[in-house]
Amino acid sequence: MKNLTVCFLVLFALCLLNVSAKAQVVLEPTKDQYVQQSITTPFTLTSADSLLRVRASASGSTTVNRNSYVRYDISKVKGTLTKAELSMTGQLAANNATPTVPDRADIHAVDDTWDPATLIWTNQPTAGALLGSLEGVAPIKAADFPKPVFKVDVTNYVKSKLSSSASVISFVLSDDKLSGADLRLYSSRCSRSMGQLPVQLILTGVTVGVENVENQLPASFSVSQNYPNPFNPTTMIQYQLPQAATVSLKVFNTLGEEVSVLVNEHKEAGTYQARWNATTPSGVYFYRLQAGGYVETKKMILLR
């Protein structure tokens, strides 16, 4: 009887751990954009402009200051929220390797009515309550890897939005004290292959509807056409795994000679990206993905 009780308690504990593991939801921005004081017309971030910015001139300049906005869809979030964090990969701007003051990004609540199609510096909504800050960010350059991930607790604000049945939630990242900060954060269009994650909203103790694409696994093995193509000298290759598999992603020339190994490891189910920074001559190349019994080859063109 005693052994039976012990087994029951162990199983119960494992169940609790399993429930806890499934109760964390990661939301990525449905909208994100930065505004710059000298830019007087709206613009939308593209895949080529994947960085959000938080900047304030130490000299008091009125042209370089920048704020960044992020918005999330919380309409499908259910359950009892226990914790909410904004999680972001950060680096200093390339010209700011030795800052004289700590770089900081202040996180504020902000009205959800901002629209990327019309948002500019002069009509940006007023920042609300200060929810937290990133302070003293280390001088991380664009080429450094891995880049640090910073987290800011925003639990109380997210709880208040959920309790009011809000469908979206927004934040502005700014530097209100004009400290000379020049901080870069990643947008939702950033490359994932180097560990560069966008400004994510991580919710613990909740669930989302099954129709939420962010939490669904791929339905089948696949590898996408590289982008850009043609390219010079860097291109990205995305592939999907519906289940865990040993993955091999290699590049070959037209003679069938192996010129680069991009991936050669066991990976869990999910969607991944690999980067090829070509050091070879211009020409036609092929990349081949092998995962489990799945094999597919595609052609790409390097133009220097």
Protein backbone atom coordinates (compact mmCIF):
# COMPACT_ATOMS: atom_id res chain seq x y z
CA MET A 1 0.00 0.00 0.00
CA LYS A 2 2.86 2.33 0.89
CA ASN A 3 4.57 1.68 -2.46
CA LEU A 4 1.30 2.31 -4.27
CA THR A 5 0.95 5.66 -2.50
CA VAL A 6 4.48 6.65 -3.43
CA CYS A 7 3.86 5.74 -7.08
CA PHE A 8 0.66 7.77 -7.09
CA LEU A 9 2.45 10.82 -5.68
CA VAL A 10 5.23 10.52 -8.25
CA LEU A 11 2.72 10.27 -11.10
CA PHE A 12 0.79 13.22 -9.71
CA ALA A 13 3.98 15.30 -9.54
CA LEU A 14 4.86 14.38 -13.11
CA CYS A 15 1.39 15.40 -14.24
CA LEU A 16 1.79 18.76 -12.54
CA LEU A 17 5.14 19.28 -14.24
CA ASN A 18 3.63 18.38 -17.59
CA VAL A 19 0.74 20.81 -17.12
CA SER A 20 3.19 23.53 -16.12
CA ALA A 21 5.32 22.87 -19.20
CA LYS A 22 2.29 23.23 -21.46
CA ALA A 23 1.06 26.38 -19.74
CA GLN A 24 3.65 28.73 -21.25
CA VAL A 25 2.72 30.59 -24.42
CA VAL A 26 5.14 32.64 -26.53
CA LEU A 27 3.53 35.40 -28.60
CA GLU A 28 5.38 37.25 -31.32
CA PRO A 29 4.41 40.76 -32.47
CA THR A 30 1.56 41.09 -34.92
CA LYS A 31 2.85 44.62 -35.54
CA ASP A 32 6.20 46.24 -34.77
CA GLN A 33 7.83 49.43 -35.97
CA TYR A 34 10.13 52.22 -34.87
CA VAL A 35 9.76 55.96 -35.29
CA GLN A 36 12.63 58.42 -35.74
CA GLN A 37 12.45 62.09 -34.96
CA SER A 38 13.83 63.17 -38.34
CA ILE A 39 11.50 60.89 -40.37
CA THR A 40 8.28 62.72 -41.22
CA THR A 41 6.51 60.04 -43.27
CA PRO A 42 5.32 56.61 -42.09
CA PHE A 43 7.32 53.55 -43.00
CA THR A 44 6.96 49.83 -42.42
CA LEU A 45 9.79 47.53 -41.43
CA THR A 46 10.79 45.02 -44.09
CA SER A 47 12.86 41.82 -44.06
CA ALA A 48 15.88 43.94 -44.96
CA ASP A 49 15.32 46.24 -41.98
CA SER A 50 14.89 43.79 -39.13
CA LEU A 51 16.10 45.97 -36.26
CA LEU A 52 13.99 47.99 -33.88
CA ARG A 53 15.79 50.96 -32.31
CA VAL A 54 15.84 52.80 -29.00
CA ARG A 55 18.01 55.87 -29.30
CA ALA A 56 18.46 59.21 -27.62
CA SER A 57 21.17 61.76 -28.35
CA ALA A 58 23.61 62.58 -25.56
CA SER A 59 24.07 66.02 -27.13
CA GLY A 60 20.38 66.83 -27.19
CA SER A 61 20.02 66.46 -30.96
CA THR A 62 16.43 66.53 -32.15
CA THR A 63 16.92 64.35 -35.23
CA VAL A 64 18.23 60.94 -34.15
CA ASN A 65 15.92 60.01 -31.26
CA ARG A 66 13.98 56.78 -31.86
CA ASN A 67 11.23 54.78 -30.13
CA SER A 68 9.93 51.31 -30.99
CA TYR A 69 6.40 49.93 -30.80
CA VAL A 70 5.24 46.31 -30.48
CA ARG A 71 1.70 44.89 -30.47
CA TYR A 72 0.40 41.40 -29.62
CA ASP A 73 -2.86 39.55 -30.21
CA ILE A 74 -4.14 38.26 -26.85
CA SER A 75 -7.69 37.52 -27.98
CA LYS A 76 -7.23 33.74 -27.71
CA VAL A 77 -5.39 33.72 -24.38
CA LYS A 78 -7.28 31.76 -21.71
CA GLY A 79 -6.59 30.62 -18.18
CA THR A 80 -5.07 32.23 -15.10
CA LEU A 81 -1.95 34.26 -15.87
CA THR A 82 0.84 33.78 -13.33
CA LYS A 83 3.64 35.64 -15.10
CA ALA A 84 4.22 37.78 -18.18
CA GLU A 85 7.59 38.87 -19.55
CA LEU A 86 8.81 40.81 -22.53
CA SER A 87 11.81 38.87 -23.83
CA MET A 88 14.20 40.41 -26.37
CA THR A 89 17.59 39.91 -27.97
CA GLY A 90 19.63 43.10 -27.63
CA GLN A 91 22.84 44.62 -28.94
CA LEU A 92 24.41 48.05 -29.07
CA ALA A 93 24.64 49.95 -32.32
CA ALA A 94 27.90 49.41 -34.21
CA ASN A 95 29.11 52.94 -33.39
CA ASN A 96 28.39 52.57 -29.68
CA ALA A 97 30.87 49.92 -28.50
CA THR A 98 32.13 51.99 -25.56
CA PRO A 99 29.11 53.86 -24.19
CA THR A 100 29.82 56.55 -21.61
CA VAL A 101 26.51 55.83 -19.88
CA PRO A 102 24.51 52.62 -19.45
CA ASP A 103 22.30 51.92 -22.42
CA ARG A 104 18.69 51.59 -21.40
CA ALA A 105 15.35 50.76 -22.96
CA ASP A 106 12.36 51.83 -20.88
CA ILE A 107 9.22 49.72 -21.38
CA HIS A 108 5.95 51.68 -21.19
CA ALA A 109 2.31 50.77 -21.60
CA VAL A 110 0.81 52.52 -24.62
CA ASP A 111 -2.57 52.96 -26.27
CA ASP A 112 -3.36 50.22 -28.80
CA THR A 113 -4.73 52.47 -31.53
CA TRP A 114 -1.36 53.22 -33.22
CA ASP A 115 -1.22 52.18 -36.85
CA PRO A 116 2.07 51.47 -38.67
CA ALA A 117 0.58 53.00 -41.82
CA THR A 118 0.32 56.43 -40.17
CA LEU A 119 2.67 56.29 -37.18
CA ILE A 120 5.43 58.93 -37.12
CA TRP A 121 7.38 60.67 -34.37
CA THR A 122 5.00 63.63 -34.09
CA ASN A 123 1.77 61.62 -33.75
CA GLN A 124 2.99 58.71 -31.62
CA PRO A 125 0.74 58.00 -28.63
CA THR A 126 1.79 59.26 -25.22
CA ALA A 127 3.73 56.68 -23.23
CA GLY A 128 1.77 55.36 -20.25
CA ALA A 129 3.02 53.78 -17.06
CA LEU A 130 6.66 52.74 -16.85
CA LEU A 131 6.59 48.94 -16.60
CA GLY A 132 10.31 48.21 -16.40
CA SER A 133 13.69 48.81 -18.03
CA LEU A 134 16.68 47.18 -19.61
CA GLU A 135 19.72 48.83 -18.02
CA GLY A 136 23.44 48.65 -18.56
CA VAL A 137 23.26 46.54 -21.71
CA ALA A 138 26.69 45.11 -22.52
CA PRO A 139 28.39 46.23 -25.77
CA ILE A 140 27.23 43.43 -28.06
CA LYS A 141 28.09 44.00 -31.72
CA ALA A 142 26.24 42.69 -34.77
CA ALA A 143 28.86 39.99 -35.37
CA ASP A 144 28.93 38.72 -31.78
CA PHE A 145 27.24 35.39 -31.01
CA PRO A 146 25.41 34.32 -28.97
CA LYS A 147 23.62 37.56 -28.19
CA PRO A 148 22.10 38.04 -24.73
CA VAL A 149 18.37 37.78 -24.13
CA PHE A 150 16.88 40.31 -21.73
CA LYS A 151 13.55 39.95 -19.92
CA VAL A 152 11.27 42.53 -18.32
CA ASP A 153 8.38 41.56 -16.03
CA VAL A 154 5.07 43.07 -17.23
CA THR A 155 2.73 40.74 -15.34
CA ASN A 156 0.45 43.29 -13.68
CA TYR A 157 -0.15 45.25 -16.86
CA VAL A 158 -0.95 42.14 -18.92
CA LYS A 159 -3.30 40.93 -16.18
CA SER A 160 -5.16 44.24 -16.28
CA LYS A 161 -5.56 44.01 -20.05
CA LEU A 162 -6.81 40.42 -19.90
CA SER A 163 -9.28 41.27 -17.14
CA SER A 164 -10.71 44.04 -19.33
CA SER A 165 -11.23 41.52 -22.18
CA ALA A 166 -8.77 43.38 -24.40
CA SER A 167 -7.95 41.66 -27.71
CA VAL A 168 -4.57 43.34 -28.23
CA ILE A 169 -1.81 44.77 -26.06
CA SER A 170 0.93 47.26 -26.96
CA PHE A 171 4.21 48.51 -25.56
CA VAL A 172 6.60 51.30 -26.48
CA LEU A 173 10.33 50.93 -25.90
CA SER A 174 11.99 54.29 -25.41
CA ASP A 175 14.70 56.25 -23.61
CA ASP A 176 13.02 59.16 -21.87
CA LYS A 177 16.06 60.62 -20.12
CA LEU A 178 18.12 61.35 -23.25
CA SER A 179 21.07 59.39 -21.87
CA GLY A 180 22.79 58.82 -25.19
CA ALA A 181 21.53 55.27 -25.53
CA ASP A 182 21.73 53.56 -28.91
CA LEU A 183 20.23 50.11 -28.50
CA ARG A 184 19.13 47.67 -31.19
CA LEU A 185 16.43 45.04 -30.71
CA TYR A 186 15.14 42.52 -33.22
CA SER A 187 11.83 42.70 -35.04
CA SER A 188 9.52 39.85 -36.05
CA ARG A 189 11.35 39.64 -39.41
CA CYS A 190 14.77 38.85 -37.96
CA SER A 191 16.85 35.81 -38.83
CA ARG A 192 16.36 32.96 -36.34
CA SER A 193 19.43 30.96 -37.36
CA MET A 194 21.81 33.03 -35.21
CA GLY A 195 19.62 33.07 -32.13
CA GLN A 196 18.24 36.54 -32.81
CA LEU A 197 14.73 36.52 -31.34
CA PRO A 198 12.20 39.33 -31.71
CA VAL A 199 10.54 41.13 -28.81
CA GLN A 200 8.39 38.24 -27.59
CA LEU A 201 5.64 38.27 -24.97
CA ILE A 202 5.97 35.15 -22.80
CA LEU A 203 2.86 34.23 -20.78
CA THR A 204 2.94 31.56 -18.07
CA GLY A 205 -0.15 29.82 -16.70
CA VAL A 206 -2.34 30.35 -19.78
CA THR A 207 -3.36 28.54 -22.94
CA VAL A 208 -4.40 29.68 -26.41
CA GLY A 209 -6.91 28.40 -28.97
CA VAL A 210 -5.80 25.45 -31.11
CA GLU A 211 -6.09 27.65 -34.18
CA ASN A 212 -3.12 29.72 -33.03
CA VAL A 213 -0.52 29.01 -35.73
CA GLU A 214 2.39 30.01 -33.49
CA ASN A 215 1.87 26.89 -31.38
CA GLN A 216 1.28 24.33 -34.13
CA LEU A 217 3.96 21.94 -35.38
CA PRO A 218 4.63 21.59 -39.12
CA ALA A 219 2.44 19.02 -40.85
CA SER A 220 5.24 17.55 -42.97
CA PHE A 221 8.94 17.69 -43.79
CA SER A 222 9.78 20.50 -46.22
CA VAL A 223 12.53 22.86 -47.29
CA SER A 224 11.76 26.26 -48.83
CA GLN A 225 13.45 28.07 -51.67
CA ASN A 226 16.33 30.11 -50.34
CA TYR A 227 15.85 33.87 -49.95
CA PRO A 228 17.09 36.04 -51.48
CA ASN A 229 17.80 34.21 -54.71
CA PRO A 230 19.96 35.20 -56.55
CA PHE A 231 22.09 36.36 -53.60
CA ASN A 232 25.44 37.93 -52.72
CA PRO A 233 26.95 36.60 -50.53
CA THR A 234 24.40 35.59 -47.85
CA THR A 235 21.12 33.71 -48.19
CA MET A 236 18.66 32.01 -45.83
CA ILE A 237 17.16 28.53 -46.11
CA GLN A 238 14.09 27.60 -44.06
CA TYR A 239 13.05 24.02 -43.34
CA GLN A 240 10.33 22.32 -41.30
CA LEU A 241 10.32 19.14 -39.23
CA PRO A 242 7.02 17.57 -38.11
CA GLN A 243 8.95 15.32 -35.74
CA ALA A 244 12.42 15.04 -34.23
CA ALA A 245 15.06 13.92 -36.73
CA THR A 246 18.76 13.92 -37.53
CA VAL A 247 19.14 16.76 -40.02
CA SER A 248 21.74 17.22 -42.73
CA LEU A 249 21.71 20.40 -44.84
CA LYS A 250 24.60 20.65 -47.30
CA VAL A 251 25.58 22.81 -50.28
CA PHE A 252 27.05 21.35 -53.49
CA ASN A 253 28.45 22.82 -56.69
CA THR A 254 27.41 21.75 -60.20
CA LEU A 255 30.09 19.00 -60.14
CA GLY A 256 28.42 17.43 -57.12
CA GLU A 257 31.25 18.47 -54.81
CA GLU A 258 30.34 19.38 -51.25
CA VAL A 259 31.21 23.03 -50.55
CA SER A 260 29.50 23.68 -47.19
CA VAL A 261 27.76 21.87 -44.33
CA LEU A 262 25.09 24.15 -42.85
CA VAL A 263 23.42 21.68 -40.47
CA ASN A 264 24.47 18.25 -39.23
CA GLU A 265 22.74 17.47 -35.93
CA HIS A 266 19.65 16.08 -34.25
CA LYS A 267 16.79 18.59 -33.99
CA GLU A 268 13.37 18.58 -32.38
CA ALA A 269 10.18 19.17 -34.38
CA GLY A 270 9.73 22.78 -35.50
CA THR A 271 10.64 25.38 -38.11
CA TYR A 272 14.29 26.37 -38.56
CA GLN A 273 16.44 28.65 -40.70
CA ALA A 274 20.04 28.20 -41.81
CA ARG A 275 22.30 30.89 -43.23
CA TRP A 276 24.88 30.36 -45.96
CA ASN A 277 27.54 33.06 -46.19
CA ALA A 278 29.16 32.02 -49.47
CA THR A 279 32.91 32.39 -49.97
CA THR A 280 32.82 30.57 -53.31
CA PRO A 281 32.77 32.02 -56.87
CA SER A 282 29.60 33.08 -58.64
CA GLY A 283 27.55 30.28 -60.11
CA VAL A 284 24.78 27.75 -59.64
CA TYR A 285 24.72 25.75 -56.40
CA PHE A 286 22.43 23.12 -54.92
CA TYR A 287 21.37 22.58 -51.32
CA ARG A 288 20.10 19.24 -50.07
CA LEU A 289 18.08 18.59 -46.93
CA GLN A 290 18.02 15.10 -45.43
CA ALA A 291 15.83 14.51 -42.37
CA GLY A 292 14.83 10.98 -41.45
CA GLY A 293 13.72 9.42 -44.74
CA TYR A 294 13.01 12.81 -46.33
CA VAL A 295 15.43 14.12 -48.99
CA GLU A 296 14.98 17.21 -51.16
CA THR A 297 17.35 19.27 -53.30
CA LYS A 298 16.88 22.82 -54.59
CA LYS A 299 18.92 25.14 -56.81
CA MET A 300 20.22 28.61 -55.93
CA ILE A 301 22.33 31.22 -57.73
CA LEU A 302 25.25 33.21 -56.33
CA LEU A 303 25.89 36.46 -58.23
CA ARG A 304 28.86 38.55 -57.17
